[in-house]
Amino acid sequence: MPEICDEFNSDFTFYTDTPPNKDMDACSPTLRRYHKRLWSKELPNGQMLELVDTNRKSYLYHKSSLGEFSFSSDSITPSYRDYAKGGMPKLREQIPPKIVNTLYDRGSTIGAFIIFPSKRVNGQRTINCARGQATDKIADRFDITLECIMRHYEQQKSPLDDTLLRYSNFFSLFSDFRGYVDFFLLQDLVTSDYSNIKFFIPHICGDGKALPQSKDDYIKYQKNSVDFIMARAARMQKSLSKT
């Protein structure tokens, strides 16, 4: 049987092996297999984050001297194709369906997914949930989420600071922001010195305008999102070729 790196297809759309009306993040077997292979690797501290998919209560699971972690998958470049919040329904009427569908399709490939801790802490929201529900300040955008994560490492306030603090044991696995970015192959979303985020569209932290505000905004958001997904997928392919 060939190694998984030979089978890895960065163009595979996970909705094609997801049962009808089910969530790709939870139900695509290929996506889970890709996550397991990509993120079972050495951490910045030299220890291994070995993920298993045999724990019935977890999508992916790790337990060692590092701690015990349950992980879920999260898509990170929403197309807003079916988004009913804010002004998106009206804005979508101005945008050719091909543009939206291109982002949806590319956003259904591996370059557009990441893992986060899935276990609730004290019954409160997970990172996945918090960033999706903060419609005005995050709106599920990962570029804004990554800025919040950067601020977490810098001990600065952000719209997600309470949530991220609940998962400080997860973020400590990567030592610092650079370690987190490099581990999850997110270099194309930061400047070369890791000090700033390359936003898909201009953004000011906490300004309440996370969603695209115009047709031009959306087109720019779509292009930069697709470019990021493809660049990250290439990094994934390269990283697997080394293992």
Protein backbone atom coordinates (compact mmCIF):
# COMPACT_ATOMS: atom_id res chain seq x y z
CA MET A 1 0.00 0.00 0.00
CA PRO A 2 1.41 3.45 -0.89
CA GLU A 3 2.23 5.94 1.83
CA ILE A 4 -0.46 8.50 2.65
CA CYS A 5 1.69 11.29 1.20
CA ASP A 6 1.36 9.55 -2.19
CA GLU A 7 -2.42 9.42 -1.75
CA PHE A 8 -2.71 12.99 -0.53
CA ASN A 9 -4.82 15.04 -2.96
CA SER A 10 -5.04 18.73 -2.12
CA ASP A 11 -7.83 19.16 -4.69
CA PHE A 12 -10.10 16.55 -3.13
CA THR A 13 -13.43 18.14 -2.13
CA PHE A 14 -14.60 16.62 1.11
CA TYR A 15 -18.30 17.02 0.40
CA THR A 16 -17.91 14.26 -2.18
CA ASP A 17 -17.38 11.60 0.51
CA THR A 18 -19.68 13.19 3.10
CA PRO A 19 -23.21 11.74 3.45
CA PRO A 20 -26.01 14.05 2.23
CA ASN A 21 -27.02 16.80 4.67
CA LYS A 22 -24.07 16.02 6.94
CA ASP A 23 -21.13 18.19 8.00
CA MET A 24 -17.81 17.66 6.21
CA ASP A 25 -15.91 18.47 9.40
CA ALA A 26 -17.55 15.59 11.23
CA CYS A 27 -18.39 13.07 8.53
CA SER A 28 -15.78 13.08 5.74
CA PRO A 29 -13.48 10.08 6.36
CA THR A 30 -10.87 11.50 4.01
CA LEU A 31 -10.72 14.79 5.87
CA ARG A 32 -10.17 13.04 9.19
CA ARG A 33 -7.46 10.84 7.68
CA TYR A 34 -5.69 13.89 6.24
CA HIS A 35 -5.88 15.74 9.58
CA LYS A 36 -4.47 12.74 11.43
CA ARG A 37 -1.54 12.47 9.04
CA LEU A 38 -0.78 16.19 8.80
CA TRP A 39 -0.84 17.06 12.49
CA SER A 40 0.69 13.92 14.00
CA LYS A 41 4.18 15.36 14.09
CA GLU A 42 6.89 16.92 16.19
CA LEU A 43 6.02 19.97 18.26
CA PRO A 44 8.41 22.92 18.74
CA ASN A 45 9.52 21.39 22.07
CA GLY A 46 10.66 18.22 20.28
CA GLN A 47 7.85 16.00 21.58
CA MET A 48 5.38 14.25 19.30
CA LEU A 49 1.71 15.14 18.98
CA GLU A 50 0.46 11.71 17.98
CA LEU A 51 -3.22 11.74 17.03
CA VAL A 52 -5.48 8.69 17.06
CA ASP A 53 -8.96 8.24 15.63
CA THR A 54 -9.99 5.19 17.66
CA ASN A 55 -11.42 7.06 20.66
CA ARG A 56 -15.19 6.82 20.27
CA LYS A 57 -15.81 10.10 22.06
CA SER A 58 -13.36 12.15 19.99
CA TYR A 59 -12.87 13.01 16.33
CA LEU A 60 -9.11 12.92 16.98
CA TYR A 61 -7.46 12.29 20.33
CA HIS A 62 -4.10 12.62 22.07
CA LYS A 63 -2.97 11.61 25.55
CA SER A 64 0.61 11.71 26.83
CA SER A 65 2.78 13.66 29.25
CA LEU A 66 1.76 16.70 27.17
CA GLY A 67 -1.81 16.31 28.39
CA GLU A 68 -5.09 14.91 27.17
CA PHE A 69 -6.72 16.54 24.15
CA SER A 70 -9.80 15.91 22.02
CA PHE A 71 -9.85 17.67 18.66
CA SER A 72 -12.45 18.52 16.05
CA SER A 73 -12.05 19.76 12.49
CA ASP A 74 -12.93 23.32 11.53
CA SER A 75 -13.18 24.91 8.10
CA ILE A 76 -11.43 28.27 8.05
CA THR A 77 -12.42 30.08 4.83
CA PRO A 78 -16.22 30.45 4.77
CA SER A 79 -17.77 31.35 1.43
CA TYR A 80 -20.84 32.82 3.18
CA ARG A 81 -22.85 31.08 0.44
CA ASP A 82 -25.63 30.19 2.87
CA TYR A 83 -24.88 32.79 5.54
CA ALA A 84 -28.12 34.44 6.68
CA LYS A 85 -26.62 36.95 9.12
CA GLY A 86 -25.66 40.57 8.70
CA GLY A 87 -26.13 41.95 5.20
CA MET A 88 -24.91 38.82 3.43
CA PRO A 89 -28.20 37.70 1.80
CA LYS A 90 -28.57 41.07 0.08
CA LEU A 91 -24.88 41.29 -0.80
CA ARG A 92 -24.89 37.83 -2.38
CA GLU A 93 -27.49 39.05 -4.88
CA GLN A 94 -24.81 41.33 -6.34
CA ILE A 95 -22.16 38.65 -6.71
CA PRO A 96 -22.01 36.16 -9.62
CA PRO A 97 -22.71 32.65 -8.26
CA LYS A 98 -19.53 31.36 -9.91
CA ILE A 99 -17.40 33.54 -7.64
CA VAL A 100 -19.14 32.30 -4.49
CA ASN A 101 -19.14 28.67 -5.63
CA THR A 102 -15.44 28.80 -6.51
CA LEU A 103 -14.65 29.76 -2.92
CA TYR A 104 -17.05 27.12 -1.59
CA ASP A 105 -15.39 24.40 -3.68
CA ARG A 106 -11.83 25.45 -2.87
CA GLY A 107 -12.87 25.92 0.75
CA SER A 108 -13.93 22.26 0.78
CA THR A 109 -10.32 21.10 0.21
CA ILE A 110 -7.66 20.38 2.82
CA GLY A 111 -5.94 23.76 2.63
CA ALA A 112 -9.04 25.27 4.22
CA PHE A 113 -9.21 23.13 7.36
CA ILE A 114 -7.59 23.06 10.79
CA ILE A 115 -8.13 21.32 14.13
CA PHE A 116 -9.08 22.89 17.46
CA PRO A 117 -9.76 21.44 20.91
CA SER A 118 -13.33 20.16 21.00
CA LYS A 119 -13.95 19.56 24.70
CA ARG A 120 -15.95 22.27 26.44
CA VAL A 121 -14.29 23.83 29.48
CA ASN A 122 -16.74 24.47 32.34
CA GLY A 123 -19.58 24.07 29.86
CA GLN A 124 -18.54 27.17 27.91
CA ARG A 125 -18.09 27.65 24.17
CA THR A 126 -15.27 26.03 22.24
CA ILE A 127 -13.03 28.04 19.92
CA ASN A 128 -14.96 26.76 16.89
CA CYS A 129 -18.23 27.86 18.39
CA ALA A 130 -17.04 31.21 19.70
CA ARG A 131 -15.51 32.41 16.45
CA GLY A 132 -18.59 31.36 14.48
CA GLN A 133 -21.06 33.04 16.81
CA ALA A 134 -19.20 36.36 17.04
CA THR A 135 -20.96 37.54 13.88
CA ASP A 136 -19.92 41.18 14.04
CA LYS A 137 -16.31 40.83 15.22
CA ILE A 138 -15.14 37.46 13.80
CA ALA A 139 -17.85 36.05 11.49
CA ASP A 140 -15.93 32.76 11.24
CA ARG A 141 -13.02 34.46 9.45
CA PHE A 142 -9.74 32.73 10.19
CA ASP A 143 -7.54 35.73 9.43
CA ILE A 144 -9.28 37.55 12.29
CA THR A 145 -9.14 34.42 14.45
CA LEU A 146 -5.40 34.21 13.82
CA GLU A 147 -4.99 37.82 14.93
CA CYS A 148 -6.80 36.90 18.16
CA ILE A 149 -4.43 33.94 18.61
CA MET A 150 -1.44 36.22 18.04
CA ARG A 151 -2.82 38.59 20.68
CA HIS A 152 -3.29 35.64 23.03
CA TYR A 153 0.41 34.80 22.82
CA GLU A 154 1.22 38.48 23.34
CA GLN A 155 -1.18 38.65 26.32
CA GLN A 156 -3.26 41.32 24.64
CA LYS A 157 -7.05 41.70 24.56
CA SER A 158 -9.09 40.45 21.63
CA PRO A 159 -12.72 39.48 20.91
CA LEU A 160 -11.76 35.84 21.65
CA ASP A 161 -9.47 36.36 24.63
CA ASP A 162 -11.69 34.65 27.24
CA THR A 163 -12.22 31.65 24.97
CA LEU A 164 -8.55 31.28 24.05
CA LEU A 165 -7.50 31.55 27.68
CA ARG A 166 -9.66 28.52 28.47
CA TYR A 167 -7.48 26.55 26.04
CA SER A 168 -4.10 27.92 27.10
CA ASN A 169 -2.82 24.35 27.61
CA PHE A 170 -3.41 23.72 23.89
CA PHE A 171 -1.64 26.90 22.77
CA SER A 172 1.28 26.21 25.09
CA LEU A 173 2.04 23.11 22.99
CA PHE A 174 3.46 25.41 20.30
CA SER A 175 5.57 27.60 22.64
CA ASP A 176 4.78 30.88 20.88
CA PHE A 177 2.89 32.39 17.94
CA ARG A 178 5.62 31.52 15.45
CA GLY A 179 5.49 27.93 16.65
CA TYR A 180 1.71 27.79 16.18
CA VAL A 181 1.88 29.30 12.70
CA ASP A 182 4.67 27.01 11.56
CA PHE A 183 3.06 23.88 13.00
CA PHE A 184 -0.23 24.46 11.18
CA LEU A 185 1.44 25.78 8.00
CA LEU A 186 -0.17 29.22 8.20
CA GLN A 187 2.86 31.24 7.06
CA ASP A 188 0.98 32.74 4.11
CA LEU A 189 -1.33 34.57 6.53
CA VAL A 190 1.45 36.42 8.37
CA THR A 191 4.22 38.83 7.50
CA SER A 192 7.78 37.49 7.26
CA ASP A 193 8.56 38.54 10.84
CA TYR A 194 5.30 37.03 12.18
CA SER A 195 4.34 40.39 13.67
CA ASN A 196 1.23 41.10 11.61
CA ILE A 197 -1.64 39.30 9.89
CA LYS A 198 -2.20 39.46 6.14
CA PHE A 199 -5.95 39.99 6.23
CA PHE A 200 -8.10 38.77 3.36
CA ILE A 201 -9.77 42.18 3.43
CA PRO A 202 -8.80 45.19 5.61
CA HIS A 203 -9.78 44.81 9.24
CA ILE A 204 -9.45 46.64 12.55
CA CYS A 205 -9.66 44.41 15.61
CA GLY A 206 -13.09 44.61 17.23
CA ASP A 207 -14.54 47.16 14.78
CA GLY A 208 -17.69 45.09 14.25
CA LYS A 209 -17.29 44.84 10.47
CA ALA A 210 -15.94 41.36 9.96
CA LEU A 211 -18.26 40.49 7.09
CA PRO A 212 -17.55 41.83 3.58
CA GLN A 213 -19.34 45.16 3.24
CA SER A 214 -19.56 45.44 -0.56
CA LYS A 215 -19.29 43.48 -3.78
CA ASP A 216 -15.68 44.63 -4.21
CA ASP A 217 -14.95 43.55 -0.63
CA TYR A 218 -16.31 40.08 -1.29
CA ILE A 219 -14.43 39.63 -4.56
CA LYS A 220 -11.18 40.61 -2.84
CA TYR A 221 -11.99 38.33 0.09
CA GLN A 222 -12.68 35.46 -2.31
CA LYS A 223 -9.47 35.90 -4.29
CA ASN A 224 -7.23 36.19 -1.24
CA SER A 225 -8.93 33.24 0.46
CA VAL A 226 -8.46 31.00 -2.59
CA ASP A 227 -4.83 32.09 -2.96
CA PHE A 228 -4.19 31.27 0.71
CA ILE A 229 -5.87 27.86 0.50
CA MET A 230 -3.79 26.87 -2.52
CA ALA A 231 -0.53 28.15 -1.01
CA ARG A 232 -1.20 26.31 2.24
CA ALA A 233 -2.10 23.11 0.39
CA ALA A 234 1.26 23.28 -1.37
CA ARG A 235 2.97 23.60 2.02
CA MET A 236 1.04 20.55 3.22
CA GLN A 237 2.11 18.52 0.21
CA LYS A 238 5.72 19.54 0.77
CA SER A 239 5.61 18.71 4.47
CA LEU A 240 4.24 15.22 3.78
CA SER A 241 6.88 14.54 1.15
CA LYS A 242 9.50 14.90 3.88
CA THR A 243 7.99 12.21 6.12
